[in-house]
Protein backbone atom coordinates (compact mmCIF):
# COMPACT_ATOMS: atom_id res chain seq x y z
CA MET A 1 81.52 107.91 110.04
CA SER A 2 83.23 107.88 113.36
CA GLU A 3 87.09 109.07 113.01
CA ARG A 4 90.26 110.82 115.02
CA TYR A 5 90.20 114.30 114.22
CA PRO A 6 93.18 116.43 114.99
CA SER A 7 92.95 118.19 118.55
CA ARG A 8 93.74 121.74 117.23
CA VAL A 9 91.11 121.89 114.38
CA ASP A 10 87.00 122.50 115.25
CA PRO A 11 85.75 120.46 112.47
CA ILE A 12 82.10 121.47 113.48
CA ALA A 13 81.77 125.10 113.61
CA ASP A 14 80.69 126.71 110.03
CA ALA A 15 80.77 122.66 108.56
CA GLU A 16 78.73 123.19 105.93
CA HIS A 17 80.72 126.12 104.76
CA ARG A 18 84.01 125.42 105.38
CA LEU A 19 86.49 123.75 102.79
CA PRO A 20 88.22 120.51 103.82
CA PRO A 21 90.81 120.52 105.26
CA ARG A 22 93.98 119.59 103.44
CA ARG A 23 94.77 116.59 104.81
CA ALA A 24 91.61 115.27 103.37
CA PHE A 25 93.49 116.48 100.49
CA LEU A 26 95.15 113.29 100.42
CA LYS A 27 91.96 111.35 101.21
CA ALA A 28 92.61 108.06 99.33
CA SER A 29 90.15 105.58 101.33
CA ALA A 30 90.33 103.14 105.25
CA ALA A 31 91.00 101.37 106.90
CA ALA A 32 88.72 102.59 109.73
CA ALA A 33 85.54 104.43 110.09
CA GLY A 34 84.85 105.22 106.38
CA ALA A 35 87.68 104.04 103.84
CA THR A 36 90.25 101.59 103.46
CA LEU A 37 92.35 101.60 100.06
CA LEU A 38 93.70 98.27 99.20
CA SER A 39 96.74 97.85 96.73
CA SER A 40 98.33 94.59 95.82
CA CYS A 41 101.63 95.30 93.66
CA PHE A 42 103.31 97.57 91.75
CA GLY A 43 105.15 98.91 88.42
CA GLY A 44 108.84 99.99 88.53
CA GLY A 45 110.21 103.48 87.71
CA GLY A 46 113.01 105.93 88.45
CA GLY A 47 112.67 109.37 88.32
CA GLY A 48 115.54 112.79 88.97
CA GLU A 49 116.21 114.07 92.11
CA ASP A 50 113.08 116.25 93.24
CA ALA A 51 112.47 116.11 89.23
CA PRO A 52 108.30 116.72 88.19
CA LEU A 53 106.93 113.79 87.92
CA LEU A 54 105.84 114.89 84.30
CA GLY A 55 108.72 116.94 81.96
CA GLY A 56 109.29 117.48 78.97
CA THR A 57 108.45 113.99 76.75
CA GLU A 58 109.03 111.84 79.56
CA VAL A 59 106.59 108.55 79.96
CA ASP A 60 104.53 109.17 82.85
CA PRO A 61 105.31 106.66 85.37
CA LEU A 62 101.58 105.91 86.14
CA SER A 63 101.70 104.20 82.50
CA ARG A 64 103.13 101.15 84.78
CA PHE A 65 100.47 99.88 86.09
CA ASP A 66 96.69 99.10 84.60
CA HIS A 67 94.57 98.53 87.55
CA LEU A 68 93.36 100.60 90.87
CA VAL A 69 91.23 98.31 93.23
CA VAL A 70 89.45 100.55 96.02
CA VAL A 71 87.31 98.58 99.09
CA MET A 72 85.70 100.82 101.18
CA PHE A 73 84.38 99.17 104.50
CA GLU A 74 82.12 101.18 107.16
CA ASN A 75 81.80 103.12 110.38
CA ARG A 76 85.11 101.85 112.51
CA SER A 77 87.42 104.24 113.55
CA PHE A 78 91.30 103.50 113.44
CA ASP A 79 91.34 103.34 117.24
CA ASN A 80 88.90 100.62 117.46
CA LEU A 81 90.21 98.28 114.56
CA LEU A 82 94.23 99.23 114.58
CA GLY A 83 94.74 101.08 117.40
CA TYR A 84 97.10 98.04 119.41
CA LEU A 85 98.02 97.16 115.94
CA TYR A 86 102.14 97.01 117.46
CA SER A 87 102.86 97.02 121.34
CA GLN A 88 106.00 99.34 123.32
CA GLY A 89 107.61 95.48 123.60
CA VAL A 90 106.46 95.48 127.28
CA ARG A 91 103.38 93.64 128.33
CA PRO A 92 101.40 96.55 130.38
CA ALA A 93 99.85 94.85 133.68
CA ASP A 94 96.30 95.16 132.41
CA TRP A 95 96.78 93.80 129.18
CA PRO A 96 94.12 90.77 129.19
CA SER A 97 95.30 87.11 129.59
CA LYS A 98 93.48 85.78 127.07
CA VAL A 99 94.57 88.35 123.91
CA PRO A 100 98.14 87.47 122.64
CA MET A 101 100.66 90.48 122.89
CA PRO A 102 100.58 92.69 119.62
CA PRO A 103 104.40 92.87 118.13
CA PRO A 104 106.61 95.63 119.18
CA VAL A 105 106.98 98.67 116.95
CA PRO A 106 109.64 97.93 114.18
CA ALA A 107 113.25 99.25 115.47
CA GLY A 108 113.57 102.60 113.93
CA GLN A 109 109.60 102.70 113.03
CA SER A 110 106.68 104.75 114.89
CA PHE A 111 103.70 104.08 115.32
CA ASP A 112 100.99 106.38 116.80
CA GLY A 113 98.57 104.05 118.38
CA LEU A 114 97.04 103.33 121.96
CA PHE A 115 99.83 101.75 123.83
CA GLY A 116 101.52 104.27 126.53
CA LYS A 117 98.89 106.69 126.45
CA VAL A 118 96.25 107.39 128.56
CA ARG A 119 92.48 108.59 127.07
CA HIS A 120 89.28 108.11 128.56
CA SER A 121 85.87 109.17 127.78
CA ASP A 122 83.46 110.53 130.10
CA ASP A 123 79.54 111.79 131.05
CA GLY A 124 80.61 113.96 133.68
CA THR A 125 79.96 111.14 136.32
CA GLN A 126 82.26 108.18 135.26
CA LYS A 127 85.49 108.12 133.25
CA ILE A 128 86.12 104.72 130.95
CA TYR A 129 89.80 104.22 129.67
CA ALA A 130 90.52 103.20 126.02
CA HIS A 131 91.47 99.27 126.42
CA PRO A 132 91.52 96.38 124.12
CA HIS A 133 88.41 93.81 124.25
CA ASP A 134 89.10 90.69 127.05
CA PHE A 135 88.12 87.95 125.24
CA ALA A 136 90.17 85.14 123.48
CA PRO A 137 90.54 85.34 119.57
CA GLY A 138 89.03 82.02 119.68
CA SER A 139 85.74 83.01 121.39
CA VAL A 140 82.84 81.54 120.10
CA THR A 141 80.49 83.95 121.84
CA THR A 142 79.01 86.24 118.92
CA THR A 143 78.46 89.13 121.28
CA ASP A 144 82.04 89.37 122.02
CA TRP A 145 82.38 90.19 117.70
CA THR A 146 79.79 92.86 117.59
CA HIS A 147 81.56 95.59 119.80
CA PRO A 148 79.93 98.06 119.93
CA ALA A 149 76.53 97.00 120.06
CA PRO A 150 74.03 99.12 119.85
CA ASP A 151 75.64 101.13 116.74
CA PRO A 152 77.01 104.22 118.01
CA GLY A 153 75.90 107.78 116.95
CA GLU A 154 77.23 109.12 113.52
CA GLY A 155 75.77 112.19 112.25
CA LEU A 156 77.15 115.65 112.70
CA ALA A 157 75.30 116.41 116.25
CA HIS A 158 76.51 113.34 117.85
CA THR A 159 80.37 113.96 116.53
CA ALA A 160 80.17 117.28 117.91
CA THR A 161 79.52 115.98 121.11
CA GLN A 162 81.88 113.19 121.04
CA LEU A 163 84.52 115.10 119.59
CA ALA A 164 84.26 117.74 122.70
CA GLY A 165 85.47 120.76 121.41
CA GLY A 166 89.12 118.73 120.14
CA LYS A 167 89.25 117.14 123.95
CA MET A 168 88.07 113.83 122.32
CA THR A 169 86.15 112.88 125.74
CA GLY A 170 82.59 112.73 124.82
CA PHE A 171 82.45 109.14 123.12
CA VAL A 172 80.63 107.88 126.61
CA ASP A 173 78.46 111.00 127.25
CA ASP A 174 77.05 110.61 123.44
CA TYR A 175 76.60 106.91 123.84
CA ARG A 176 74.60 107.15 127.33
CA LYS A 177 72.44 110.07 125.54
CA LYS A 178 71.79 108.01 122.27
CA HIS A 179 71.00 104.98 124.24
CA GLU A 180 69.80 105.53 127.62
CA ASP A 181 68.94 102.15 128.45
CA ALA A 182 72.45 100.77 127.66
CA THR A 183 74.10 98.60 130.22
CA ALA A 184 77.32 98.86 132.19
CA ASP A 185 79.34 96.72 129.66
CA GLU A 186 77.53 98.13 126.80
CA VAL A 187 78.82 101.70 127.65
CA SER A 188 82.20 100.63 128.70
CA ALA A 189 82.74 98.78 124.78
CA ILE A 190 82.35 102.11 123.00
CA MET A 191 86.10 102.84 124.67
CA GLY A 192 87.19 98.95 123.37
CA SER A 193 89.26 98.30 120.80
CA TYR A 194 90.17 94.84 119.02
CA ALA A 195 93.93 93.63 118.98
CA PRO A 196 95.62 92.21 116.21
CA ALA A 197 94.80 88.57 117.30
CA HIS A 198 91.37 89.33 117.05
CA LEU A 199 91.78 90.63 113.22
CA SER A 200 94.56 88.73 111.72
CA VAL A 201 93.54 89.75 108.25
CA LEU A 202 93.21 93.18 108.73
CA SER A 203 95.96 93.65 111.10
CA GLY A 204 98.13 90.87 109.01
CA LEU A 205 97.80 93.41 105.68
CA ALA A 206 98.38 96.33 107.82
CA GLN A 207 101.65 94.46 109.03
CA GLN A 208 103.20 93.38 106.06
CA PHE A 209 102.38 96.15 103.99
CA ALA A 210 101.47 99.32 105.33
CA VAL A 211 98.74 101.50 106.88
CA PHE A 212 98.22 105.32 107.80
CA ASP A 213 98.06 105.94 111.33
CA HIS A 214 96.35 110.01 110.96
CA TRP A 215 93.76 109.39 107.91
CA TYR A 216 90.72 111.98 108.61
CA CYS A 217 87.22 111.43 107.09
CA ALA A 218 86.50 114.46 104.69
CA VAL A 219 83.48 115.52 107.13
CA PRO A 220 83.03 115.08 110.70
CA SER A 221 79.70 113.20 109.92
CA GLU A 222 77.87 110.04 108.25
CA THR A 223 78.56 107.79 105.64
CA TYR A 224 76.68 109.46 102.06
CA CYS A 225 79.27 112.69 102.61
CA ASN A 226 82.26 110.86 102.96
CA ARG A 227 81.47 108.87 100.01
CA SER A 228 80.38 111.57 97.97
CA PHE A 229 83.61 113.56 98.67
CA PHE A 230 85.50 110.41 97.88
CA HIS A 231 84.65 110.57 93.94
CA ALA A 232 83.65 113.92 93.87
CA SER A 233 85.64 116.02 95.97
CA THR A 234 82.27 117.52 97.56
CA SER A 235 79.50 116.57 99.08
CA SER A 236 77.21 119.41 97.68
CA GLY A 237 77.36 120.99 100.80
CA PHE A 238 75.33 117.80 102.67
CA VAL A 239 76.24 117.31 106.26
CA GLU A 240 73.95 114.64 106.61
CA ASN A 241 72.55 111.17 105.40
CA GLU A 242 69.02 111.78 105.71
CA PRO A 243 66.66 112.24 104.04
CA LYS A 244 67.82 110.12 101.11
CA SER A 245 65.50 112.24 98.50
CA LYS A 246 68.09 114.98 99.02
CA TRP A 247 70.52 113.26 96.85
CA SER A 248 68.70 113.23 93.84
CA GLY A 249 70.20 117.37 94.01
CA ASN A 250 73.91 116.01 94.13
CA THR A 251 75.05 116.31 90.92
CA ALA A 252 78.51 117.48 91.02
CA PRO A 253 81.26 115.68 88.34
CA THR A 254 82.75 112.62 89.61
CA ILE A 255 85.91 110.55 88.39
CA PHE A 256 83.04 108.06 86.64
CA ASP A 257 82.39 110.98 84.83
CA ARG A 258 86.44 111.93 83.73
CA LEU A 259 86.54 108.22 82.95
CA GLU A 260 83.92 108.07 80.26
CA ALA A 261 84.82 111.36 78.70
CA GLY A 262 88.31 109.56 78.16
CA SER A 263 89.48 108.70 74.32
CA PRO A 264 89.13 105.88 74.64
CA ALA A 265 87.38 105.51 77.84
CA PRO A 266 89.17 103.39 80.59
CA LYS A 267 86.72 100.34 82.02
CA TRP A 268 85.38 100.68 85.43
CA LYS A 269 83.24 99.44 87.69
CA VAL A 270 81.46 99.49 91.09
CA TYR A 271 80.97 95.84 92.30
CA PHE A 272 77.99 95.92 94.75
CA GLU A 273 76.54 93.38 97.07
CA LYS A 274 72.38 93.89 96.41
CA PRO A 275 70.37 94.20 99.57
CA ALA A 276 68.32 90.90 100.73
CA SER A 277 65.28 92.95 101.08
CA GLU A 278 63.40 94.06 97.98
CA SER A 279 62.83 97.42 99.62
CA GLU A 280 65.91 97.90 100.29
CA ARG A 281 66.82 96.70 96.67
CA GLN A 282 64.67 99.57 95.65
CA THR A 283 66.45 102.19 97.71
CA TYR A 284 69.26 101.20 96.73
CA PRO A 285 69.09 99.67 93.12
CA HIS A 286 72.53 100.53 92.25
CA GLY A 287 74.33 100.55 95.79
CA LEU A 288 75.78 103.50 98.06
CA THR A 289 77.51 104.78 95.05
CA GLY A 290 74.33 104.87 92.78
CA LEU A 291 72.17 106.44 95.77
CA VAL A 292 74.80 108.98 96.56
CA HIS A 293 76.10 109.99 92.60
CA PRO A 294 72.38 109.14 91.17
CA GLU A 295 73.61 110.99 87.56
CA VAL A 296 76.02 108.14 87.73
CA SER A 297 74.19 105.12 87.89
CA ARG A 298 71.58 107.15 85.54
CA LYS A 299 73.95 107.31 82.76
CA TYR A 300 76.10 104.39 83.25
CA PRO A 301 73.81 101.53 84.91
CA GLU A 302 75.75 98.93 83.52
CA LYS A 303 79.03 99.96 85.17
CA PHE A 304 77.05 98.50 88.16
CA VAL A 305 77.23 95.19 88.83
CA ASP A 306 76.86 92.71 91.17
CA TYR A 307 79.56 91.26 93.75
CA ALA A 308 80.26 88.34 92.95
CA LYS A 309 81.63 89.35 89.32
CA PHE A 310 84.61 90.62 90.87
CA ALA A 311 86.32 87.56 91.61
CA GLU A 312 84.63 86.49 88.28
CA ASP A 313 86.32 89.19 86.27
CA ILE A 314 89.96 88.46 88.14
CA ALA A 315 89.30 84.39 87.17
CA ARG A 316 88.48 85.95 83.14
CA GLY A 317 91.13 88.20 83.32
CA THR A 318 88.96 91.01 82.34
CA LEU A 319 89.27 93.23 85.67
CA PRO A 320 88.35 96.90 84.49
CA ALA A 321 91.11 99.78 85.23
CA TYR A 322 89.10 100.94 88.26
CA SER A 323 87.02 98.87 90.50
CA PHE A 324 85.27 100.17 93.79
CA ILE A 325 84.15 97.76 95.92
CA GLU A 326 80.89 98.15 98.61
CA ARG A 327 79.24 95.55 100.24
CA VAL A 328 75.54 95.76 101.51
CA TYR A 329 75.20 99.34 103.73
CA GLY A 330 74.79 98.64 107.43
CA GLY A 331 74.84 94.69 106.49
CA HIS A 332 76.39 91.65 108.02
CA ASP A 333 79.88 91.87 106.47
CA ASP A 334 80.85 95.75 105.92
CA PHE A 335 82.50 96.54 109.33
CA HIS A 336 79.38 98.37 110.14
CA PRO A 337 78.53 98.46 113.99
CA PRO A 338 77.11 96.36 115.10
CA GLY A 339 77.66 93.70 112.81
CA ASP A 340 79.87 90.95 113.17
CA VAL A 341 83.65 91.92 112.69
CA ARG A 342 84.76 88.22 111.57
CA ASN A 343 82.29 88.87 108.54
CA GLY A 344 84.39 91.74 107.18
CA GLU A 345 87.63 90.28 107.85
CA GLU A 346 86.54 87.30 105.53
CA VAL A 347 85.51 89.90 102.69
CA LEU A 348 88.85 91.20 102.90
CA ARG A 349 90.42 88.22 102.75
CA GLN A 350 88.54 86.89 99.61
CA ILE A 351 89.35 89.91 97.64
CA TYR A 352 93.19 89.77 98.93
CA GLU A 353 93.50 86.74 97.90
CA ALA A 354 92.12 86.83 94.72
CA ILE A 355 94.25 89.13 93.45
CA ARG A 356 97.24 87.85 95.05
CA THR A 357 96.71 84.09 93.53
CA SER A 358 95.49 85.67 90.15
CA GLY A 359 98.64 84.48 88.78
CA THR A 360 98.25 80.85 89.16
CA THR A 361 94.44 80.62 88.95
CA GLY A 362 94.11 82.93 85.97
CA PRO A 363 95.03 84.37 82.40
CA HIS A 364 96.56 87.30 84.30
CA ASP A 365 98.82 88.16 87.13
CA TYR A 366 97.51 90.98 88.46
CA THR A 367 100.02 91.28 91.24
CA GLN A 368 102.63 92.56 88.38
CA ASP A 369 100.56 95.16 87.05
CA THR A 370 98.26 96.96 90.40
CA LEU A 371 100.21 99.82 92.08
CA LEU A 372 101.75 99.52 95.73
CA LEU A 373 101.11 103.08 96.68
CA VAL A 374 102.49 105.13 99.64
CA VAL A 375 101.83 108.60 99.67
CA PHE A 376 102.63 111.80 101.87
CA ASP A 377 101.44 114.93 101.90
CA ASP A 378 104.02 117.31 101.92
CA VAL A 379 104.23 121.59 102.27
CA ASP A 380 106.22 124.12 100.12
CA ILE A 381 105.32 122.57 97.22
CA PRO A 382 102.68 124.20 95.29
CA LEU A 383 99.24 123.05 95.67
CA GLY A 384 98.39 119.79 93.63
CA GLY A 385 102.61 119.77 92.32
CA ILE A 386 104.17 116.17 92.46
CA ARG A 387 107.61 116.01 92.95
CA VAL A 388 109.50 112.22 92.63
CA ARG A 389 113.07 111.14 93.94
CA LYS A 390 114.43 108.19 92.70
CA GLU A 391 116.21 107.57 95.93
CA GLY A 392 117.75 109.59 99.53
CA GLY A 393 117.46 109.64 102.89
CA PRO A 394 114.21 109.97 105.05
CA GLY A 395 115.02 112.94 106.19
CA THR A 396 113.18 114.53 108.74
CA HIS A 397 110.22 112.55 107.93
CA LYS A 398 108.95 109.41 110.17
CA GLY A 399 106.92 107.54 108.43
CA MET A 400 109.76 107.56 105.47
CA ALA A 401 112.44 106.91 108.13
CA SER A 402 109.82 103.79 109.19
CA ILE A 403 109.80 102.51 105.66
CA VAL A 404 113.78 102.75 104.99
CA GLN A 405 114.00 100.94 108.68
CA GLU A 406 111.72 98.22 107.45
CA ILE A 407 113.45 97.41 103.53
CA GLY A 408 116.78 98.14 104.45
CA THR A 409 117.31 100.58 101.67
CA THR A 410 116.93 104.23 100.53
CA LYS A 411 117.29 103.19 97.20
CA PHE A 412 113.44 103.43 96.18
CA PRO A 413 111.15 105.92 94.72
CA ARG A 414 109.30 108.32 97.00
CA LEU A 415 106.89 110.88 95.78
CA ARG A 416 106.05 114.58 97.46
CA VAL A 417 102.22 115.97 97.09
CA GLY A 418 102.07 119.69 97.22
CA ILE A 419 99.34 121.35 99.71
CA GLY A 420 100.92 124.64 99.11
CA THR A 421 103.16 126.68 101.58
CA ALA A 422 102.24 128.45 104.74
CA ASN A 423 102.36 132.26 105.04
CA ALA A 424 105.40 133.77 106.89
CA GLY A 425 104.99 133.12 110.75
CA GLU A 426 102.54 130.60 110.22
CA ASP A 427 102.60 127.60 112.56
CA ILE A 428 103.48 125.06 110.25
CA VAL A 429 101.58 122.23 112.25
CA ARG A 430 98.28 124.81 112.11
CA TYR A 431 98.74 125.09 108.51
CA VAL A 432 98.76 121.35 107.57
CA LEU A 433 95.64 120.54 109.22
CA SER A 434 93.79 124.12 108.25
CA PRO A 435 90.90 123.84 105.81
CA PHE A 436 91.73 125.19 102.03
CA ARG A 437 91.48 128.86 101.20
CA ARG A 438 88.81 129.76 99.02
CA THR A 439 91.47 130.74 96.55
CA GLU A 440 92.39 126.64 96.65
CA ALA A 441 89.20 125.58 96.19
CA GLY A 442 89.35 124.51 92.41
CA SER A 443 91.92 121.85 93.06
CA SER A 444 91.20 118.53 92.63
CA SER A 445 91.24 115.62 94.90
CA ALA A 446 93.96 113.54 94.50
CA ILE A 447 92.20 110.05 93.39
CA ARG A 448 90.54 112.28 91.13
CA ARG A 449 93.61 113.48 89.68
CA THR A 450 95.67 110.45 89.85
CA ILE A 451 92.77 108.47 87.98
CA ARG A 452 92.49 111.22 85.50
CA SER A 453 96.65 111.08 85.00
CA ARG A 454 96.84 107.36 84.73
CA PHE A 455 93.75 106.09 82.94
CA ILE A 456 92.59 109.73 80.99
CA CYS A 457 95.14 111.87 79.48
CA ARG A 458 96.56 110.48 76.21
CA PRO A 459 99.53 110.01 75.00
CA ARG A 460 100.59 110.40 79.16
CA THR A 461 103.43 113.30 78.38
CA ALA A 462 103.64 116.57 80.30
CA SER A 463 102.38 118.23 76.88
CA SER A 464 99.09 116.43 77.22
CA CYS A 465 98.27 115.83 80.86
CA SER A 466 100.44 118.24 83.12
CA SER A 467 98.54 117.83 86.33
CA SER A 468 99.29 114.32 87.92
CA GLY A 469 97.70 112.50 91.00
CA LEU A 470 98.92 110.41 93.73
CA MET A 471 101.13 107.97 92.15
CA SER A 472 104.59 107.11 90.63
CA GLY A 473 106.49 104.44 89.74
CA SER A 474 108.26 102.06 92.23
CA SER A 475 110.14 99.06 91.63
CA PRO A 476 108.32 95.31 92.28
CA ILE A 477 108.24 94.34 96.21
CA ARG A 478 105.76 91.70 96.21
CA ALA A 479 105.38 88.88 98.47
CA PRO A 480 106.39 85.81 96.74
CA LYS A 481 103.52 83.63 96.00
CA GLY A 482 102.74 81.20 99.00
CA GLU A 483 104.10 83.64 101.03
CA GLY A 484 102.08 86.85 101.16
CA SER A 485 99.01 85.43 102.39
CA ILE A 486 96.93 86.14 105.37
CA SER A 487 95.93 84.05 108.35
CA THR A 488 92.69 82.96 109.07
CA GLU A 489 93.50 81.12 111.87
CA ASN A 490 90.52 82.05 113.89
CA PRO A 491 88.03 78.47 113.70
CA THR A 492 84.97 80.84 114.25
CA ARG A 493 85.43 82.82 111.38
CA ARG A 494 81.66 82.80 109.60
CA ARG A 495 81.10 82.95 106.15
CA ARG A 496 77.82 84.33 104.53
């Protein structure tokens, strides 16, 4: 999974033995090169000023939601899909005439994208600068929608070349080495990005709800390791996909095991698309999750169901507490290059619309009990600690200032997730981006702790469940039905 990586950290050195960085502690999923967490709506709640999330006999605010849906797509970077999500308000001279300009960054907010920045990559002979793809949103030329093609390198060695020791200038060099016969246009496309007008669904969700603009993969490498980290907080030391047979040794406990150990056990399902060929069905009988966590699929095969059942469960009002959605790995609609990105857009639209319209099409309105989550990592709180504030100003946190500006009020709950405290004199930036210390290695990931806190610990009070995860209560902030739909105006959008 290629992703942006902080330049002050060397993610390659001793990769098999390093602990994940602190920022990976908040890994929840993307949109971009690996993981996207979709959440619809909401709960209610409050909490005292800097009060613990759980204290005394206070009921856990997590009890205000009943469903968590995670959708994970494949192998696209933040810059490739959302780098041009917002503009700086002035049309650059070299902006393609065929492509509508993105909206400016909302007043008082910040967005770390590509506008106003000079980024390039080279192979020692030629520099190619970051740029938006130059084709109209209504293009009927399939190759416009499959950049980059062929697929760029994904493994640890490829990532090391791409990162170029933190300078982030090795993408062209790595691409040329992998595809020696690539054309000039194909090489140029490796530094290209889609504009919001090209990706109306993904960009629409990011602009109407929220987007993480500093989201880093847990392992600077391929798919399997990062998917393992998502549910187990480890990849058992593996940093490459192949050989597939080695994943039979990935027996680390997962959040699925924790859910099954609950009393009563909360319901969960992995909704996966079955491969078309018989050989691939033999390799992935329970999708990627089943391959990466073979013990889980062996013990709970009935929990791995066909992707189509997700819409059926929503229609019937039987959506489980935790839903994990995955499309065919490297297929036509999981965003994996060189797949047509319009197909991934359509999948995302269908999932979002199924949740958004559930109250009018089925017996249960899932917009009422699916949490909208805004997460911030924080220092100077004990590792894994959670504090929630009922309201207040943003202080120096630009992300919080952005939210305040957007919704026009400071009266909403927010939480602080602890990643520990820097040593005296230690640079705070280096601390935040640093790996965990060995003494901190036992901490659960935020996603696992969140699911454990909400769906496993009963009754949900401080005495029975003292370590909470990411989520806290929040007031309903939901687009009225009929007004929150995502546009699919592109007439060439294909469905499978």
